[in-house]
Amino acid sequence: MMEKDPFIAACLTEAHRYKKLGDACLERLNEAQLHWQAHENCNSVAMLVHHLSENMRSRFTDFLSSDGEK
């Protein structure tokens, strides 16, 4: 079994920590709060989470063979 690179292990630990924090925040919001917008030019929490998840998916898909800007 290969040993994990300490840098990769630290990155994964931080990613999981932030995921846990984000999930805890989202669990505190009801459906109306997730989709609430301060005004029509503002994004809701739901839209921000969707945008961030798609951005991260794009950045880390085929990252060794593409620039991440898809």
PDB file of N, CA and C in Angstrom:
ATOM      1  N   MET A   1       0.836  -1.179   0.000  1.00  0.00           N
ATOM      2  CA  MET A   1       0.000   0.000   0.000  1.00  0.00           C
ATOM      3  C   MET A   1       0.882   1.243   0.000  1.00  0.00           C
ATOM      4  N   MET A   2       0.560   2.200  -0.876  1.00  0.00           N
ATOM      5  CA  MET A   2       1.344   3.430  -0.966  1.00  0.00           C
ATOM      6  C   MET A   2       1.015   4.362   0.192  1.00  0.00           C
ATOM      7  N   GLU A   3       2.043   5.031   0.693  1.00  0.00           N
ATOM      8  CA  GLU A   3       1.820   6.043   1.722  1.00  0.00           C
ATOM      9  C   GLU A   3       1.307   7.306   1.064  1.00  0.00           C
ATOM     10  N   LYS A   4       0.429   8.009   1.783  1.00  0.00           N
ATOM     11  CA  LYS A   4      -0.078   9.273   1.267  1.00  0.00           C
ATOM     12  C   LYS A   4       0.986  10.350   1.399  1.00  0.00           C
ATOM     13  N   ASP A   5       1.034  11.189   0.418  1.00  0.00           N
ATOM     14  CA  ASP A   5       1.878  12.370   0.469  1.00  0.00           C
ATOM     15  C   ASP A   5       1.333  13.272   1.577  1.00  0.00           C
ATOM     16  N   PRO A   6       2.184  13.804   2.466  1.00  0.00           N
ATOM     17  CA  PRO A   6       1.701  14.634   3.573  1.00  0.00           C
ATOM     18  C   PRO A   6       0.938  15.877   3.104  1.00  0.00           C
ATOM     19  N   PHE A   7       1.358  16.455   2.000  1.00  0.00           N
ATOM     20  CA  PHE A   7       0.668  17.633   1.480  1.00  0.00           C
ATOM     21  C   PHE A   7      -0.739  17.274   1.010  1.00  0.00           C
ATOM     22  N   ILE A   8      -0.853  16.171   0.275  1.00  0.00           N
ATOM     23  CA  ILE A   8      -2.155  15.718  -0.208  1.00  0.00           C
ATOM     24  C   ILE A   8      -3.053  15.372   0.976  1.00  0.00           C
ATOM     25  N   ALA A   9      -2.491  14.696   1.962  1.00  0.00           N
ATOM     26  CA  ALA A   9      -3.272  14.334   3.149  1.00  0.00           C
ATOM     27  C   ALA A   9      -3.770  15.584   3.866  1.00  0.00           C
ATOM     28  N   ALA A  10      -2.931  16.615   3.975  1.00  0.00           N
ATOM     29  CA  ALA A  10      -3.340  17.862   4.623  1.00  0.00           C
ATOM     30  C   ALA A  10      -4.429  18.567   3.821  1.00  0.00           C
ATOM     31  N   CYS A  11      -4.310  18.556   2.498  1.00  0.00           N
ATOM     32  CA  CYS A  11      -5.334  19.167   1.640  1.00  0.00           C
ATOM     33  C   CYS A  11      -6.669  18.446   1.787  1.00  0.00           C
ATOM     34  N   LEU A  12      -6.637  17.135   1.802  1.00  0.00           N
ATOM     35  CA  LEU A  12      -7.867  16.367   1.960  1.00  0.00           C
ATOM     36  C   LEU A  12      -8.509  16.609   3.324  1.00  0.00           C
ATOM     37  N   THR A  13      -7.692  16.693   4.355  1.00  0.00           N
ATOM     38  CA  THR A  13      -8.202  16.976   5.701  1.00  0.00           C
ATOM     39  C   THR A  13      -8.908  18.324   5.729  1.00  0.00           C
ATOM     40  N   GLU A  14      -8.292  19.337   5.136  1.00  0.00           N
ATOM     41  CA  GLU A  14      -8.906  20.669   5.093  1.00  0.00           C
ATOM     42  C   GLU A  14     -10.174  20.680   4.257  1.00  0.00           C
ATOM     43  N   ALA A  15     -10.158  19.993   3.136  1.00  0.00           N
ATOM     44  CA  ALA A  15     -11.352  19.931   2.288  1.00  0.00           C
ATOM     45  C   ALA A  15     -12.513  19.295   3.038  1.00  0.00           C
ATOM     46  N   HIS A  16     -12.247  18.226   3.751  1.00  0.00           N
ATOM     47  CA  HIS A  16     -13.296  17.563   4.530  1.00  0.00           C
ATOM     48  C   HIS A  16     -13.782  18.449   5.674  1.00  0.00           C
ATOM     49  N   ARG A  17     -12.877  19.201   6.275  1.00  0.00           N
ATOM     50  CA  ARG A  17     -13.250  20.109   7.358  1.00  0.00           C
ATOM     51  C   ARG A  17     -14.186  21.198   6.838  1.00  0.00           C
ATOM     52  N   TYR A  18     -13.848  21.794   5.708  1.00  0.00           N
ATOM     53  CA  TYR A  18     -14.702  22.842   5.133  1.00  0.00           C
ATOM     54  C   TYR A  18     -16.033  22.273   4.652  1.00  0.00           C
ATOM     55  N   LYS A  19     -16.027  21.055   4.121  1.00  0.00           N
ATOM     56  CA  LYS A  19     -17.272  20.409   3.706  1.00  0.00           C
ATOM     57  C   LYS A  19     -18.185  20.223   4.912  1.00  0.00           C
ATOM     58  N   LYS A  20     -17.620  19.778   6.017  1.00  0.00           N
ATOM     59  CA  LYS A  20     -18.401  19.566   7.237  1.00  0.00           C
ATOM     60  C   LYS A  20     -18.981  20.889   7.747  1.00  0.00           C
ATOM     61  N   LEU A  21     -18.191  21.948   7.721  1.00  0.00           N
ATOM     62  CA  LEU A  21     -18.678  23.263   8.134  1.00  0.00           C
ATOM     63  C   LEU A  21     -19.803  23.749   7.225  1.00  0.00           C
ATOM     64  N   GLY A  22     -19.620  23.605   5.927  1.00  0.00           N
ATOM     65  CA  GLY A  22     -20.639  24.022   4.970  1.00  0.00           C
ATOM     66  C   GLY A  22     -21.924  23.243   5.136  1.00  0.00           C
ATOM     67  N   ASP A  23     -21.816  21.934   5.293  1.00  0.00           N
ATOM     68  CA  ASP A  23     -23.003  21.100   5.484  1.00  0.00           C
ATOM     69  C   ASP A  23     -23.756  21.505   6.750  1.00  0.00           C
ATOM     70  N   ALA A  24     -23.024  21.800   7.819  1.00  0.00           N
ATOM     71  CA  ALA A  24     -23.664  22.212   9.073  1.00  0.00           C
ATOM     72  C   ALA A  24     -24.416  23.525   8.896  1.00  0.00           C
ATOM     73  N   CYS A  25     -23.852  24.450   8.144  1.00  0.00           N
ATOM     74  CA  CYS A  25     -24.528  25.730   7.881  1.00  0.00           C
ATOM     75  C   CYS A  25     -25.792  25.524   7.052  1.00  0.00           C
ATOM     76  N   LEU A  26     -25.687  24.711   6.016  1.00  0.00           N
ATOM     77  CA  LEU A  26     -26.834  24.485   5.133  1.00  0.00           C
ATOM     78  C   LEU A  26     -27.969  23.760   5.854  1.00  0.00           C
ATOM     79  N   GLU A  27     -27.634  22.882   6.788  1.00  0.00           N
ATOM     80  CA  GLU A  27     -28.655  22.147   7.532  1.00  0.00           C
ATOM     81  C   GLU A  27     -29.512  23.074   8.386  1.00  0.00           C
ATOM     82  N   ARG A  28     -28.980  24.232   8.724  1.00  0.00           N
ATOM     83  CA  ARG A  28     -29.710  25.180   9.569  1.00  0.00           C
ATOM     84  C   ARG A  28     -30.710  26.024   8.789  1.00  0.00           C
ATOM     85  N   LEU A  29     -30.654  25.962   7.461  1.00  0.00           N
ATOM     86  CA  LEU A  29     -31.547  26.764   6.624  1.00  0.00           C
ATOM     87  C   LEU A  29     -32.727  25.933   6.140  1.00  0.00           C
ATOM     88  N   ASN A  30     -33.913  26.548   6.126  1.00  0.00           N
ATOM     89  CA  ASN A  30     -35.060  25.859   5.543  1.00  0.00           C
ATOM     90  C   ASN A  30     -35.098  26.155   4.043  1.00  0.00           C
ATOM     91  N   GLU A  31     -36.043  25.563   3.350  1.00  0.00           N
ATOM     92  CA  GLU A  31     -36.132  25.701   1.889  1.00  0.00           C
ATOM     93  C   GLU A  31     -36.269  27.160   1.468  1.00  0.00           C
ATOM     94  N   ALA A  32     -37.107  27.908   2.156  1.00  0.00           N
ATOM     95  CA  ALA A  32     -37.315  29.316   1.804  1.00  0.00           C
ATOM     96  C   ALA A  32     -36.028  30.123   1.991  1.00  0.00           C
ATOM     97  N   GLN A  33     -35.300  29.841   3.049  1.00  0.00           N
ATOM     98  CA  GLN A  33     -34.047  30.559   3.293  1.00  0.00           C
ATOM     99  C   GLN A  33     -32.989  30.216   2.251  1.00  0.00           C
ATOM    100  N   LEU A  34     -32.970  28.978   1.790  1.00  0.00           N
ATOM    101  CA  LEU A  34     -32.003  28.576   0.767  1.00  0.00           C
ATOM    102  C   LEU A  34     -32.202  29.335  -0.541  1.00  0.00           C
ATOM    103  N   HIS A  35     -33.457  29.686  -0.844  1.00  0.00           N
ATOM    104  CA  HIS A  35     -33.765  30.328  -2.117  1.00  0.00           C
ATOM    105  C   HIS A  35     -34.043  31.824  -2.000  1.00  0.00           C
ATOM    106  N   TRP A  36     -33.910  32.380  -0.800  1.00  0.00           N
ATOM    107  CA  TRP A  36     -34.170  33.802  -0.579  1.00  0.00           C
ATOM    108  C   TRP A  36     -33.096  34.652  -1.262  1.00  0.00           C
ATOM    109  N   GLN A  37     -33.514  35.764  -1.874  1.00  0.00           N
ATOM    110  CA  GLN A  37     -32.603  36.724  -2.494  1.00  0.00           C
ATOM    111  C   GLN A  37     -32.900  38.101  -1.903  1.00  0.00           C
ATOM    112  N   ALA A  38     -31.865  38.845  -1.541  1.00  0.00           N
ATOM    113  CA  ALA A  38     -32.047  40.177  -0.980  1.00  0.00           C
ATOM    114  C   ALA A  38     -32.745  41.092  -1.986  1.00  0.00           C
ATOM    115  N   HIS A  39     -32.404  40.943  -3.239  1.00  0.00           N
ATOM    116  CA  HIS A  39     -33.092  41.609  -4.348  1.00  0.00           C
ATOM    117  C   HIS A  39     -32.784  40.839  -5.618  1.00  0.00           C
ATOM    118  N   GLU A  40     -33.399  41.231  -6.707  1.00  0.00           N
ATOM    119  CA  GLU A  40     -33.329  40.421  -7.937  1.00  0.00           C
ATOM    120  C   GLU A  40     -31.926  40.269  -8.511  1.00  0.00           C
ATOM    121  N   ASN A  41     -31.009  41.145  -8.152  1.00  0.00           N
ATOM    122  CA  ASN A  41     -29.640  41.052  -8.671  1.00  0.00           C
ATOM    123  C   ASN A  41     -28.707  40.261  -7.753  1.00  0.00           C
ATOM    124  N   CYS A  42     -29.243  39.709  -6.682  1.00  0.00           N
ATOM    125  CA  CYS A  42     -28.446  38.915  -5.738  1.00  0.00           C
ATOM    126  C   CYS A  42     -28.708  37.429  -5.946  1.00  0.00           C
ATOM    127  N   ASN A  43     -27.712  36.633  -5.682  1.00  0.00           N
ATOM    128  CA  ASN A  43     -27.876  35.182  -5.757  1.00  0.00           C
ATOM    129  C   ASN A  43     -28.339  34.639  -4.415  1.00  0.00           C
ATOM    130  N   SER A  44     -29.107  33.586  -4.475  1.00  0.00           N
ATOM    131  CA  SER A  44     -29.529  32.881  -3.262  1.00  0.00           C
ATOM    132  C   SER A  44     -28.404  31.963  -2.813  1.00  0.00           C
ATOM    133  N   VAL A  45     -28.529  31.455  -1.590  1.00  0.00           N
ATOM    134  CA  VAL A  45     -27.559  30.482  -1.084  1.00  0.00           C
ATOM    135  C   VAL A  45     -27.546  29.257  -2.005  1.00  0.00           C
ATOM    136  N   ALA A  46     -28.723  28.818  -2.422  1.00  0.00           N
ATOM    137  CA  ALA A  46     -28.811  27.645  -3.309  1.00  0.00           C
ATOM    138  C   ALA A  46     -28.041  27.875  -4.607  1.00  0.00           C
ATOM    139  N   MET A  47     -28.175  29.063  -5.181  1.00  0.00           N
ATOM    140  CA  MET A  47     -27.475  29.366  -6.432  1.00  0.00           C
ATOM    141  C   MET A  47     -25.957  29.417  -6.209  1.00  0.00           C
ATOM    142  N   LEU A  48     -25.539  29.993  -5.101  1.00  0.00           N
ATOM    143  CA  LEU A  48     -24.100  30.056  -4.809  1.00  0.00           C
ATOM    144  C   LEU A  48     -23.511  28.661  -4.627  1.00  0.00           C
ATOM    145  N   VAL A  49     -24.212  27.802  -3.896  1.00  0.00           N
ATOM    146  CA  VAL A  49     -23.726  26.434  -3.686  1.00  0.00           C
ATOM    147  C   VAL A  49     -23.653  25.690  -5.023  1.00  0.00           C
ATOM    148  N   HIS A  50     -24.676  25.856  -5.848  1.00  0.00           N
ATOM    149  CA  HIS A  50     -24.672  25.213  -7.171  1.00  0.00           C
ATOM    150  C   HIS A  50     -23.481  25.704  -7.999  1.00  0.00           C
ATOM    151  N   HIS A  51     -23.277  27.006  -8.035  1.00  0.00           N
ATOM    152  CA  HIS A  51     -22.179  27.575  -8.810  1.00  0.00           C
ATOM    153  C   HIS A  51     -20.824  27.059  -8.310  1.00  0.00           C
ATOM    154  N   LEU A  52     -20.630  27.075  -7.002  1.00  0.00           N
ATOM    155  CA  LEU A  52     -19.362  26.618  -6.433  1.00  0.00           C
ATOM    156  C   LEU A  52     -19.122  25.134  -6.712  1.00  0.00           C
ATOM    157  N   SER A  53     -20.165  24.320  -6.601  1.00  0.00           N
ATOM    158  CA  SER A  53     -19.978  22.884  -6.840  1.00  0.00           C
ATOM    159  C   SER A  53     -19.627  22.603  -8.297  1.00  0.00           C
ATOM    160  N   GLU A  54     -20.291  23.305  -9.220  1.00  0.00           N
ATOM    161  CA  GLU A  54     -19.971  23.118 -10.641  1.00  0.00           C
ATOM    162  C   GLU A  54     -18.578  23.632 -10.968  1.00  0.00           C
ATOM    163  N   ASN A  55     -18.184  24.740 -10.347  1.00  0.00           N
ATOM    164  CA  ASN A  55     -16.852  25.285 -10.559  1.00  0.00           C
ATOM    165  C   ASN A  55     -15.787  24.308 -10.072  1.00  0.00           C
ATOM    166  N   MET A  56     -15.996  23.734  -8.894  1.00  0.00           N
ATOM    167  CA  MET A  56     -15.020  22.781  -8.348  1.00  0.00           C
ATOM    168  C   MET A  56     -14.968  21.523  -9.206  1.00  0.00           C
ATOM    169  N   ARG A  57     -16.120  21.061  -9.670  1.00  0.00           N
ATOM    170  CA  ARG A  57     -16.147  19.876 -10.539  1.00  0.00           C
ATOM    171  C   ARG A  57     -15.331  20.142 -11.801  1.00  0.00           C
ATOM    172  N   SER A  58     -15.506  21.317 -12.384  1.00  0.00           N
ATOM    173  CA  SER A  58     -14.783  21.679 -13.596  1.00  0.00           C
ATOM    174  C   SER A  58     -13.280  21.780 -13.330  1.00  0.00           C
ATOM    175  N   ARG A  59     -12.926  22.393 -12.224  1.00  0.00           N
ATOM    176  CA  ARG A  59     -11.508  22.589 -11.905  1.00  0.00           C
ATOM    177  C   ARG A  59     -10.757  21.285 -11.694  1.00  0.00           C
ATOM    178  N   PHE A  60     -11.437  20.294 -11.107  1.00  0.00           N
ATOM    179  CA  PHE A  60     -10.741  19.066 -10.736  1.00  0.00           C
ATOM    180  C   PHE A  60     -11.057  17.880 -11.630  1.00  0.00           C
ATOM    181  N   THR A  61     -11.729  18.116 -12.747  1.00  0.00           N
ATOM    182  CA  THR A  61     -11.975  17.059 -13.724  1.00  0.00           C
ATOM    183  C   THR A  61     -10.891  17.160 -14.792  1.00  0.00           C
ATOM    184  N   ASP A  62     -10.168  16.103 -14.993  1.00  0.00           N
ATOM    185  CA  ASP A  62      -9.070  16.069 -15.977  1.00  0.00           C
ATOM    186  C   ASP A  62      -8.043  17.178 -15.732  1.00  0.00           C
ATOM    187  N   PHE A  63      -7.774  17.484 -14.459  1.00  0.00           N
ATOM    188  CA  PHE A  63      -6.863  18.585 -14.165  1.00  0.00           C
ATOM    189  C   PHE A  63      -5.432  18.345 -14.631  1.00  0.00           C
ATOM    190  N   LEU A  64      -5.082  17.094 -14.854  1.00  0.00           N
ATOM    191  CA  LEU A  64      -3.722  16.823 -15.335  1.00  0.00           C
ATOM    192  C   LEU A  64      -3.587  17.035 -16.836  1.00  0.00           C
ATOM    193  N   SER A  65      -4.716  17.039 -17.546  1.00  0.00           N
ATOM    194  CA  SER A  65      -4.625  17.159 -18.988  1.00  0.00           C
ATOM    195  C   SER A  65      -5.345  18.385 -19.564  1.00  0.00           C
ATOM    196  N   SER A  66      -5.952  19.196 -18.717  1.00  0.00           N
ATOM    197  CA  SER A  66      -6.621  20.394 -19.193  1.00  0.00           C
ATOM    198  C   SER A  66      -6.361  21.552 -18.236  1.00  0.00           C
ATOM    199  N   ASP A  67      -6.734  22.736 -18.642  1.00  0.00           N
ATOM    200  CA  ASP A  67      -6.446  23.910 -17.802  1.00  0.00           C
ATOM    201  C   ASP A  67      -7.544  24.177 -16.763  1.00  0.00           C
ATOM    202  N   GLY A  68      -8.622  23.402 -16.775  1.00  0.00           N
ATOM    203  CA  GLY A  68      -9.694  23.603 -15.811  1.00  0.00           C
ATOM    204  C   GLY A  68     -10.716  24.614 -16.239  1.00  0.00           C
ATOM    205  N   GLU A  69     -10.413  25.394 -17.263  1.00  0.00           N
ATOM    206  CA  GLU A  69     -11.366  26.382 -17.777  1.00  0.00           C
ATOM    207  C   GLU A  69     -12.148  25.745 -18.895  1.00  0.00           C
ATOM    208  N   LYS A  70     -13.305  25.201 -18.566  1.00  0.00           N
ATOM    209  CA  LYS A  70     -14.092  24.483 -19.568  1.00  0.00           C
ATOM    210  C   LYS A  70     -15.315  25.258 -19.921  1.00  0.00           C
TER     211      LYS A  70
END
